[in-house]
Amino acid sequence: MTRPKRADDNEAVLSQQIGHPADAQRFTVNLSAGIGHELRDIAARHRVSESSVVEIALRQLFRRVSGAALGVFLRDRGACLRRRS
């Protein structure tokens, strides 16, 4: 399976549309409590799934920011590999 193209690739970028449920993959992520509350609030207020909010937010981010720039941005803000213990 090929991955969708990102903004820093020379081909088409990710679609702005939510992917089909049959093509969905499950991810488990750790979020700060504040982000989790905001995510649930937005999803509930607009009567959409939390995964839809996350997917569209990531699609918009990946369309606008190159992988290299995102990596630098994340590292500059203390991002690291993290595991919940």
PDB file of N, CA and C in Angstrom:
ATOM      1  N   MET A   1       0.848  -1.186   0.000  1.00  0.00           N
ATOM      2  CA  MET A   1       0.000   0.000   0.000  1.00  0.00           C
ATOM      3  C   MET A   1       0.890   1.244   0.000  1.00  0.00           C
ATOM      4  N   THR A   2       0.596   2.207  -0.853  1.00  0.00           N
ATOM      5  CA  THR A   2       1.368   3.443  -0.893  1.00  0.00           C
ATOM      6  C   THR A   2       0.737   4.455   0.042  1.00  0.00           C
ATOM      7  N   ARG A   3       1.571   5.299   0.597  1.00  0.00           N
ATOM      8  CA  ARG A   3       1.052   6.320   1.512  1.00  0.00           C
ATOM      9  C   ARG A   3       0.592   7.529   0.713  1.00  0.00           C
ATOM     10  N   PRO A   4      -0.385   8.286   1.239  1.00  0.00           N
ATOM     11  CA  PRO A   4      -0.791   9.526   0.568  1.00  0.00           C
ATOM     12  C   PRO A   4       0.376  10.497   0.552  1.00  0.00           C
ATOM     13  N   LYS A   5       0.423  11.337  -0.454  1.00  0.00           N
ATOM     14  CA  LYS A   5       1.505  12.310  -0.581  1.00  0.00           C
ATOM     15  C   LYS A   5       1.285  13.476   0.373  1.00  0.00           C
ATOM     16  N   ARG A   6       2.387  14.005   0.869  1.00  0.00           N
ATOM     17  CA  ARG A   6       2.362  15.142   1.774  1.00  0.00           C
ATOM     18  C   ARG A   6       2.735  16.406   1.018  1.00  0.00           C
ATOM     19  N   ALA A   7       2.616  17.533   1.692  1.00  0.00           N
ATOM     20  CA  ALA A   7       2.899  18.818   1.065  1.00  0.00           C
ATOM     21  C   ALA A   7       4.343  18.930   0.590  1.00  0.00           C
ATOM     22  N   ASP A   8       5.278  18.177   1.198  1.00  0.00           N
ATOM     23  CA  ASP A   8       6.668  18.293   0.786  1.00  0.00           C
ATOM     24  C   ASP A   8       7.042  17.301  -0.311  1.00  0.00           C
ATOM     25  N   ASP A   9       6.107  16.498  -0.776  1.00  0.00           N
ATOM     26  CA  ASP A   9       6.350  15.593  -1.895  1.00  0.00           C
ATOM     27  C   ASP A   9       6.074  16.339  -3.195  1.00  0.00           C
ATOM     28  N   ASN A  10       6.539  15.798  -4.307  1.00  0.00           N
ATOM     29  CA  ASN A  10       6.350  16.447  -5.597  1.00  0.00           C
ATOM     30  C   ASN A  10       5.052  16.053  -6.278  1.00  0.00           C
ATOM     31  N   GLU A  11       4.269  15.174  -5.663  1.00  0.00           N
ATOM     32  CA  GLU A  11       3.020  14.727  -6.272  1.00  0.00           C
ATOM     33  C   GLU A  11       1.835  15.311  -5.518  1.00  0.00           C
ATOM     34  N   ALA A  12       0.647  14.802  -5.794  1.00  0.00           N
ATOM     35  CA  ALA A  12      -0.584  15.320  -5.196  1.00  0.00           C
ATOM     36  C   ALA A  12      -0.537  15.263  -3.674  1.00  0.00           C
ATOM     37  N   VAL A  13      -1.170  16.216  -3.018  1.00  0.00           N
ATOM     38  CA  VAL A  13      -1.224  16.252  -1.560  1.00  0.00           C
ATOM     39  C   VAL A  13      -2.479  15.553  -1.067  1.00  0.00           C
ATOM     40  N   LEU A  14      -2.556  15.368   0.233  1.00  0.00           N
ATOM     41  CA  LEU A  14      -3.705  14.709   0.838  1.00  0.00           C
ATOM     42  C   LEU A  14      -5.006  15.435   0.518  1.00  0.00           C
ATOM     43  N   SER A  15      -6.062  14.672   0.361  1.00  0.00           N
ATOM     44  CA  SER A  15      -7.389  15.226   0.151  1.00  0.00           C
ATOM     45  C   SER A  15      -7.850  15.982   1.391  1.00  0.00           C
ATOM     46  N   GLN A  16      -8.761  16.910   1.202  1.00  0.00           N
ATOM     47  CA  GLN A  16      -9.337  17.628   2.335  1.00  0.00           C
ATOM     48  C   GLN A  16     -10.525  16.875   2.932  1.00  0.00           C
ATOM     49  N   GLN A  17     -10.931  15.774   2.307  1.00  0.00           N
ATOM     50  CA  GLN A  17     -12.108  15.026   2.741  1.00  0.00           C
ATOM     51  C   GLN A  17     -11.744  13.933   3.746  1.00  0.00           C
ATOM     52  N   ILE A  18     -12.691  13.633   4.621  1.00  0.00           N
ATOM     53  CA  ILE A  18     -12.554  12.515   5.565  1.00  0.00           C
ATOM     54  C   ILE A  18     -12.463  11.229   4.764  1.00  0.00           C
ATOM     55  N   GLY A  19     -11.578  10.343   5.173  1.00  0.00           N
ATOM     56  CA  GLY A  19     -11.438   9.059   4.498  1.00  0.00           C
ATOM     57  C   GLY A  19     -12.645   8.160   4.730  1.00  0.00           C
ATOM     58  N   HIS A  20     -12.814   7.172   3.875  1.00  0.00           N
ATOM     59  CA  HIS A  20     -13.908   6.217   3.994  1.00  0.00           C
ATOM     60  C   HIS A  20     -13.676   5.334   5.215  1.00  0.00           C
ATOM     61  N   PRO A  21     -14.713   5.050   6.016  1.00  0.00           N
ATOM     62  CA  PRO A  21     -14.542   4.215   7.213  1.00  0.00           C
ATOM     63  C   PRO A  21     -13.895   2.854   6.939  1.00  0.00           C
ATOM     64  N   ALA A  22     -14.151   2.275   5.775  1.00  0.00           N
ATOM     65  CA  ALA A  22     -13.571   0.972   5.460  1.00  0.00           C
ATOM     66  C   ALA A  22     -12.052   1.058   5.289  1.00  0.00           C
ATOM     67  N   ASP A  23     -11.531   2.245   5.052  1.00  0.00           N
ATOM     68  CA  ASP A  23     -10.101   2.439   4.848  1.00  0.00           C
ATOM     69  C   ASP A  23      -9.407   2.968   6.111  1.00  0.00           C
ATOM     70  N   ALA A  24     -10.143   3.052   7.206  1.00  0.00           N
ATOM     71  CA  ALA A  24      -9.608   3.633   8.439  1.00  0.00           C
ATOM     72  C   ALA A  24      -8.648   2.678   9.140  1.00  0.00           C
ATOM     73  N   GLN A  25      -7.666   3.246   9.799  1.00  0.00           N
ATOM     74  CA  GLN A  25      -6.745   2.501  10.647  1.00  0.00           C
ATOM     75  C   GLN A  25      -6.887   3.019  12.066  1.00  0.00           C
ATOM     76  N   ARG A  26      -6.768   2.123  13.026  1.00  0.00           N
ATOM     77  CA  ARG A  26      -6.888   2.518  14.426  1.00  0.00           C
ATOM     78  C   ARG A  26      -5.521   2.968  14.944  1.00  0.00           C
ATOM     79  N   PHE A  27      -5.514   4.123  15.611  1.00  0.00           N
ATOM     80  CA  PHE A  27      -4.323   4.643  16.266  1.00  0.00           C
ATOM     81  C   PHE A  27      -4.676   4.950  17.705  1.00  0.00           C
ATOM     82  N   THR A  28      -3.755   4.715  18.593  1.00  0.00           N
ATOM     83  CA  THR A  28      -3.919   5.092  19.993  1.00  0.00           C
ATOM     84  C   THR A  28      -2.859   6.127  20.291  1.00  0.00           C
ATOM     85  N   VAL A  29      -3.282   7.281  20.772  1.00  0.00           N
ATOM     86  CA  VAL A  29      -2.339   8.365  21.060  1.00  0.00           C
ATOM     87  C   VAL A  29      -2.582   8.901  22.466  1.00  0.00           C
ATOM     88  N   ASN A  30      -1.554   9.462  23.047  1.00  0.00           N
ATOM     89  CA  ASN A  30      -1.659  10.130  24.342  1.00  0.00           C
ATOM     90  C   ASN A  30      -1.724  11.630  24.080  1.00  0.00           C
ATOM     91  N   LEU A  31      -2.734  12.274  24.652  1.00  0.00           N
ATOM     92  CA  LEU A  31      -2.914  13.722  24.514  1.00  0.00           C
ATOM     93  C   LEU A  31      -2.964  14.347  25.897  1.00  0.00           C
ATOM     94  N   SER A  32      -2.566  15.599  25.978  1.00  0.00           N
ATOM     95  CA  SER A  32      -2.713  16.298  27.255  1.00  0.00           C
ATOM     96  C   SER A  32      -4.200  16.419  27.572  1.00  0.00           C
ATOM     97  N   ALA A  33      -4.497  16.564  28.847  1.00  0.00           N
ATOM     98  CA  ALA A  33      -5.898  16.658  29.275  1.00  0.00           C
ATOM     99  C   ALA A  33      -6.607  17.828  28.599  1.00  0.00           C
ATOM    100  N   GLY A  34      -5.920  18.952  28.477  1.00  0.00           N
ATOM    101  CA  GLY A  34      -6.535  20.131  27.857  1.00  0.00           C
ATOM    102  C   GLY A  34      -6.910  19.897  26.405  1.00  0.00           C
ATOM    103  N   ILE A  35      -6.010  19.262  25.654  1.00  0.00           N
ATOM    104  CA  ILE A  35      -6.294  18.964  24.248  1.00  0.00           C
ATOM    105  C   ILE A  35      -7.434  17.959  24.154  1.00  0.00           C
ATOM    106  N   GLY A  36      -7.425  16.961  25.031  1.00  0.00           N
ATOM    107  CA  GLY A  36      -8.505  15.974  25.041  1.00  0.00           C
ATOM    108  C   GLY A  36      -9.860  16.603  25.298  1.00  0.00           C
ATOM    109  N   HIS A  37      -9.918  17.514  26.254  1.00  0.00           N
ATOM    110  CA  HIS A  37     -11.180  18.203  26.556  1.00  0.00           C
ATOM    111  C   HIS A  37     -11.638  19.046  25.363  1.00  0.00           C
ATOM    112  N   GLU A  38     -10.698  19.756  24.757  1.00  0.00           N
ATOM    113  CA  GLU A  38     -11.046  20.593  23.604  1.00  0.00           C
ATOM    114  C   GLU A  38     -11.523  19.734  22.427  1.00  0.00           C
ATOM    115  N   LEU A  39     -10.847  18.623  22.195  1.00  0.00           N
ATOM    116  CA  LEU A  39     -11.238  17.709  21.126  1.00  0.00           C
ATOM    117  C   LEU A  39     -12.654  17.186  21.344  1.00  0.00           C
ATOM    118  N   ARG A  40     -12.945  16.715  22.550  1.00  0.00           N
ATOM    119  CA  ARG A  40     -14.292  16.198  22.840  1.00  0.00           C
ATOM    120  C   ARG A  40     -15.349  17.294  22.725  1.00  0.00           C
ATOM    121  N   ASP A  41     -15.010  18.508  23.178  1.00  0.00           N
ATOM    122  CA  ASP A  41     -15.953  19.626  23.107  1.00  0.00           C
ATOM    123  C   ASP A  41     -16.292  19.984  21.660  1.00  0.00           C
ATOM    124  N   ILE A  42     -15.265  20.086  20.816  1.00  0.00           N
ATOM    125  CA  ILE A  42     -15.501  20.413  19.400  1.00  0.00           C
ATOM    126  C   ILE A  42     -16.339  19.330  18.733  1.00  0.00           C
ATOM    127  N   ALA A  43     -15.987  18.070  18.965  1.00  0.00           N
ATOM    128  CA  ALA A  43     -16.729  16.960  18.359  1.00  0.00           C
ATOM    129  C   ALA A  43     -18.184  16.962  18.818  1.00  0.00           C
ATOM    130  N   ALA A  44     -18.419  17.143  20.109  1.00  0.00           N
ATOM    131  CA  ALA A  44     -19.789  17.135  20.629  1.00  0.00           C
ATOM    132  C   ALA A  44     -20.587  18.336  20.113  1.00  0.00           C
ATOM    133  N   ARG A  45     -19.952  19.508  20.130  1.00  0.00           N
ATOM    134  CA  ARG A  45     -20.642  20.732  19.693  1.00  0.00           C
ATOM    135  C   ARG A  45     -21.074  20.644  18.235  1.00  0.00           C
ATOM    136  N   HIS A  46     -20.274  19.986  17.402  1.00  0.00           N
ATOM    137  CA  HIS A  46     -20.572  19.914  15.975  1.00  0.00           C
ATOM    138  C   HIS A  46     -21.137  18.569  15.543  1.00  0.00           C
ATOM    139  N   ARG A  47     -21.377  17.701  16.532  1.00  0.00           N
ATOM    140  CA  ARG A  47     -21.987  16.389  16.291  1.00  0.00           C
ATOM    141  C   ARG A  47     -21.225  15.591  15.226  1.00  0.00           C
ATOM    142  N   VAL A  48     -19.920  15.502  15.431  1.00  0.00           N
ATOM    143  CA  VAL A  48     -19.043  14.691  14.580  1.00  0.00           C
ATOM    144  C   VAL A  48     -18.186  13.835  15.503  1.00  0.00           C
ATOM    145  N   SER A  49     -17.532  12.842  14.940  1.00  0.00           N
ATOM    146  CA  SER A  49     -16.680  11.987  15.755  1.00  0.00           C
ATOM    147  C   SER A  49     -15.371  12.690  16.091  1.00  0.00           C
ATOM    148  N   GLU A  50     -14.787  12.306  17.215  1.00  0.00           N
ATOM    149  CA  GLU A  50     -13.483  12.832  17.586  1.00  0.00           C
ATOM    150  C   GLU A  50     -12.457  12.475  16.518  1.00  0.00           C
ATOM    151  N   SER A  51     -12.567  11.275  15.946  1.00  0.00           N
ATOM    152  CA  SER A  51     -11.596  10.876  14.916  1.00  0.00           C
ATOM    153  C   SER A  51     -11.723  11.751  13.675  1.00  0.00           C
ATOM    154  N   SER A  52     -12.931  12.235  13.362  1.00  0.00           N
ATOM    155  CA  SER A  52     -13.095  13.138  12.219  1.00  0.00           C
ATOM    156  C   SER A  52     -12.378  14.458  12.463  1.00  0.00           C
ATOM    157  N   VAL A  53     -12.477  14.975  13.675  1.00  0.00           N
ATOM    158  CA  VAL A  53     -11.792  16.228  14.021  1.00  0.00           C
ATOM    159  C   VAL A  53     -10.280  16.037  13.880  1.00  0.00           C
ATOM    160  N   VAL A  54      -9.772  14.938  14.422  1.00  0.00           N
ATOM    161  CA  VAL A  54      -8.330  14.671  14.360  1.00  0.00           C
ATOM    162  C   VAL A  54      -7.881  14.489  12.914  1.00  0.00           C
ATOM    163  N   GLU A  55      -8.642  13.716  12.126  1.00  0.00           N
ATOM    164  CA  GLU A  55      -8.235  13.464  10.744  1.00  0.00           C
ATOM    165  C   GLU A  55      -8.171  14.748   9.927  1.00  0.00           C
ATOM    166  N   ILE A  56      -9.193  15.584  10.028  1.00  0.00           N
ATOM    167  CA  ILE A  56      -9.200  16.836   9.264  1.00  0.00           C
ATOM    168  C   ILE A  56      -8.088  17.767   9.754  1.00  0.00           C
ATOM    169  N   ALA A  57      -7.889  17.848  11.066  1.00  0.00           N
ATOM    170  CA  ALA A  57      -6.820  18.711  11.599  1.00  0.00           C
ATOM    171  C   ALA A  57      -5.459  18.259  11.073  1.00  0.00           C
ATOM    172  N   LEU A  58      -5.218  16.950  11.079  1.00  0.00           N
ATOM    173  CA  LEU A  58      -3.942  16.443  10.572  1.00  0.00           C
ATOM    174  C   LEU A  58      -3.819  16.636   9.066  1.00  0.00           C
ATOM    175  N   ARG A  59      -4.904  16.416   8.327  1.00  0.00           N
ATOM    176  CA  ARG A  59      -4.858  16.636   6.879  1.00  0.00           C
ATOM    177  C   ARG A  59      -4.490  18.081   6.575  1.00  0.00           C
ATOM    178  N   GLN A  60      -5.092  19.023   7.293  1.00  0.00           N
ATOM    179  CA  GLN A  60      -4.797  20.441   7.077  1.00  0.00           C
ATOM    180  C   GLN A  60      -3.344  20.748   7.434  1.00  0.00           C
ATOM    181  N   LEU A  61      -2.860  20.208   8.547  1.00  0.00           N
ATOM    182  CA  LEU A  61      -1.476  20.427   8.955  1.00  0.00           C
ATOM    183  C   LEU A  61      -0.515  19.861   7.917  1.00  0.00           C
ATOM    184  N   PHE A  62      -0.734  18.625   7.481  1.00  0.00           N
ATOM    185  CA  PHE A  62       0.170  17.980   6.536  1.00  0.00           C
ATOM    186  C   PHE A  62       0.151  18.656   5.165  1.00  0.00           C
ATOM    187  N   ARG A  63      -0.959  19.303   4.804  1.00  0.00           N
ATOM    188  CA  ARG A  63      -1.024  20.028   3.536  1.00  0.00           C
ATOM    189  C   ARG A  63      -0.226  21.331   3.597  1.00  0.00           C
ATOM    190  N   ARG A  64      -0.076  21.894   4.787  1.00  0.00           N
ATOM    191  CA  ARG A  64       0.520  23.216   4.920  1.00  0.00           C
ATOM    192  C   ARG A  64       1.981  23.221   5.360  1.00  0.00           C
ATOM    193  N   VAL A  65       2.429  22.157   6.017  1.00  0.00           N
ATOM    194  CA  VAL A  65       3.757  22.155   6.628  1.00  0.00           C
ATOM    195  C   VAL A  65       4.541  20.944   6.126  1.00  0.00           C
ATOM    196  N   SER A  66       5.764  21.170   5.704  1.00  0.00           N
ATOM    197  CA  SER A  66       6.604  20.057   5.253  1.00  0.00           C
ATOM    198  C   SER A  66       6.972  19.172   6.442  1.00  0.00           C
ATOM    199  N   GLY A  67       7.281  17.931   6.152  1.00  0.00           N
ATOM    200  CA  GLY A  67       7.701  17.008   7.202  1.00  0.00           C
ATOM    201  C   GLY A  67       8.928  17.510   7.946  1.00  0.00           C
ATOM    202  N   ALA A  68       9.890  18.058   7.207  1.00  0.00           N
ATOM    203  CA  ALA A  68      11.113  18.571   7.833  1.00  0.00           C
ATOM    204  C   ALA A  68      10.803  19.737   8.775  1.00  0.00           C
ATOM    205  N   ALA A  69       9.982  20.672   8.318  1.00  0.00           N
ATOM    206  CA  ALA A  69       9.632  21.828   9.153  1.00  0.00           C
ATOM    207  C   ALA A  69       8.840  21.385  10.379  1.00  0.00           C
ATOM    208  N   LEU A  70       7.950  20.425  10.203  1.00  0.00           N
ATOM    209  CA  LEU A  70       7.159  19.924  11.328  1.00  0.00           C
ATOM    210  C   LEU A  70       8.069  19.251  12.347  1.00  0.00           C
ATOM    211  N   GLY A  71       9.043  18.470  11.872  1.00  0.00           N
ATOM    212  CA  GLY A  71       9.983  17.817  12.784  1.00  0.00           C
ATOM    213  C   GLY A  71      10.755  18.821  13.625  1.00  0.00           C
ATOM    214  N   VAL A  72      11.242  19.870  12.989  1.00  0.00           N
ATOM    215  CA  VAL A  72      11.974  20.917  13.714  1.00  0.00           C
ATOM    216  C   VAL A  72      11.050  21.597  14.722  1.00  0.00           C
ATOM    217  N   PHE A  73       9.847  21.953  14.291  1.00  0.00           N
ATOM    218  CA  PHE A  73       8.863  22.603  15.159  1.00  0.00           C
ATOM    219  C   PHE A  73       8.588  21.747  16.390  1.00  0.00           C
ATOM    220  N   LEU A  74       8.371  20.458  16.184  1.00  0.00           N
ATOM    221  CA  LEU A  74       8.065  19.558  17.295  1.00  0.00           C
ATOM    222  C   LEU A  74       9.245  19.428  18.257  1.00  0.00           C
ATOM    223  N   ARG A  75      10.428  19.209  17.721  1.00  0.00           N
ATOM    224  CA  ARG A  75      11.614  19.072  18.583  1.00  0.00           C
ATOM    225  C   ARG A  75      11.887  20.358  19.363  1.00  0.00           C
ATOM    226  N   ASP A  76      11.697  21.518  18.725  1.00  0.00           N
ATOM    227  CA  ASP A  76      11.912  22.797  19.406  1.00  0.00           C
ATOM    228  C   ASP A  76      10.950  22.999  20.577  1.00  0.00           C
ATOM    229  N   ARG A  77       9.844  22.291  20.558  1.00  0.00           N
ATOM    230  CA  ARG A  77       8.839  22.426  21.618  1.00  0.00           C
ATOM    231  C   ARG A  77       8.842  21.245  22.578  1.00  0.00           C
ATOM    232  N   GLY A  78       9.905  20.447  22.527  1.00  0.00           N
ATOM    233  CA  GLY A  78      10.078  19.382  23.505  1.00  0.00           C
ATOM    234  C   GLY A  78       9.440  18.053  23.154  1.00  0.00           C
ATOM    235  N   ALA A  79       8.989  17.883  21.912  1.00  0.00           N
ATOM    236  CA  ALA A  79       8.380  16.610  21.527  1.00  0.00           C
ATOM    237  C   ALA A  79       9.430  15.509  21.582  1.00  0.00           C
ATOM    238  N   CYS A  80       8.995  14.334  21.961  1.00  0.00           N
ATOM    239  CA  CYS A  80       9.883  13.181  22.038  1.00  0.00           C
ATOM    240  C   CYS A  80       9.035  11.913  21.899  1.00  0.00           C
ATOM    241  N   LEU A  81       9.709  10.790  21.815  1.00  0.00           N
ATOM    242  CA  LEU A  81       8.983   9.523  21.865  1.00  0.00           C
ATOM    243  C   LEU A  81       8.468   9.390  23.299  1.00  0.00           C
ATOM    244  N   ARG A  82       7.196   9.086  23.458  1.00  0.00           N
ATOM    245  CA  ARG A  82       6.684   8.952  24.816  1.00  0.00           C
ATOM    246  C   ARG A  82       5.755   7.755  24.908  1.00  0.00           C
ATOM    247  N   ARG A  83       5.818   7.140  26.039  1.00  0.00           N
ATOM    248  CA  ARG A  83       4.981   5.990  26.334  1.00  0.00           C
ATOM    249  C   ARG A  83       4.293   6.253  27.672  1.00  0.00           C
ATOM    250  N   ARG A  84       3.047   5.899  27.723  1.00  0.00           N
ATOM    251  CA  ARG A  84       2.320   6.056  28.977  1.00  0.00           C
ATOM    252  C   ARG A  84       2.717   4.918  29.905  1.00  0.00           C
ATOM    253  N   SER A  85       3.078   5.234  31.142  1.00  0.00           N
ATOM    254  CA  SER A  85       3.481   4.162  32.059  1.00  0.00           C
ATOM    255  C   SER A  85       2.452   3.924  33.143  1.00  0.00           C
TER     256      SER A  85
END
